[in-house]
Structure formats: C-alpha cells, structure tokens
Protein backbone atom coordinates (compact mmCIF):
# COMPACT_ATOMS: atom_id res chain seq x y z
CA UNK A 1 -47.58 -75.88 191.72
CA UNK A 2 -48.86 -75.38 195.25
CA UNK A 3 -52.39 -75.83 196.49
CA UNK A 4 -54.06 -73.86 199.24
CA UNK A 5 -57.51 -73.85 200.77
CA UNK A 6 -58.70 -70.27 200.56
CA UNK A 7 -61.64 -68.73 202.39
CA UNK A 8 -61.44 -65.20 200.99
CA UNK A 9 -58.75 -62.99 199.50
CA UNK A 10 -60.28 -59.60 200.36
CA UNK A 11 -57.53 -57.03 201.01
CA UNK A 12 -54.79 -59.54 200.10
CA UNK A 13 -52.06 -58.19 197.80
CA UNK A 14 -51.48 -60.72 195.01
CA UNK A 15 -49.47 -58.38 192.79
CA UNK A 16 -46.23 -60.32 193.30
CA UNK A 17 -47.86 -63.76 193.08
CA UNK A 18 -48.24 -66.15 190.16
CA UNK A 19 -52.00 -66.67 189.86
CA UNK A 20 -52.22 -68.33 186.44
CA UNK A 21 -54.68 -71.20 186.75
CA UNK A 22 -55.92 -70.13 190.18
CA UNK A 23 -59.15 -71.88 191.08
CA UNK A 24 -61.35 -69.60 193.18
CA UNK A 25 -64.92 -68.43 193.18
CA UNK A 26 -65.85 -64.85 192.37
CA UNK A 27 -66.75 -64.14 195.99
CA UNK A 28 -63.37 -65.52 197.14
CA UNK A 29 -61.34 -63.18 194.92
CA UNK A 30 -63.51 -60.09 195.50
CA UNK A 31 -61.46 -57.25 196.98
CA UNK A 32 -58.03 -58.76 196.27
CA UNK A 33 -55.32 -56.45 194.94
CA UNK A 34 -54.03 -57.61 191.53
CA UNK A 35 -52.10 -56.18 188.59
CA UNK A 36 -53.80 -55.35 185.29
CA UNK A 37 -52.38 -58.53 183.73
CA UNK A 38 -53.64 -60.62 186.65
CA UNK A 39 -57.03 -58.96 186.26
CA UNK A 40 -57.15 -60.14 182.66
CA UNK A 41 -56.31 -63.67 183.81
CA UNK A 42 -59.15 -63.52 186.32
CA UNK A 43 -61.72 -62.60 183.68
CA UNK A 44 -61.88 -66.31 182.80
CA UNK A 45 -63.81 -66.74 186.06
CA UNK A 46 -66.57 -64.63 184.52
CA UNK A 47 -66.76 -66.95 181.51
CA UNK A 48 -66.92 -63.94 179.20
CA UNK A 49 -65.46 -63.49 175.73
CA UNK A 50 -63.20 -60.49 175.20
CA UNK A 51 -62.57 -59.55 171.59
C-alpha cells in the first residue's frame, strides 16, 4: 500500500487506480473521475447506509 499527500483530485482520472481504503475528505475527492464501483466505495465517506 502506498501513501500520498493529496491536496485535491479535481479532474484526476482514477478509473484505473485501486482506491479501496482511500483516506480523503469530500472536498478532496470532488470532481475526480471514477468508475461506478469506485463511486460505491467512496460512499463510505458520506457515512450513509445503503440498503
């Protein structure tokens, strides 16, 4: 696992990246390009429950 210091990911294409367990704030990830599966992974940042 690699660690990076990230300022913002706006306009960054993450579709080919492994983002499981990514630790970012909502404002940091805003505007990033992700796949549908990655989008589901990122919902944990919202602390919502999907049933």
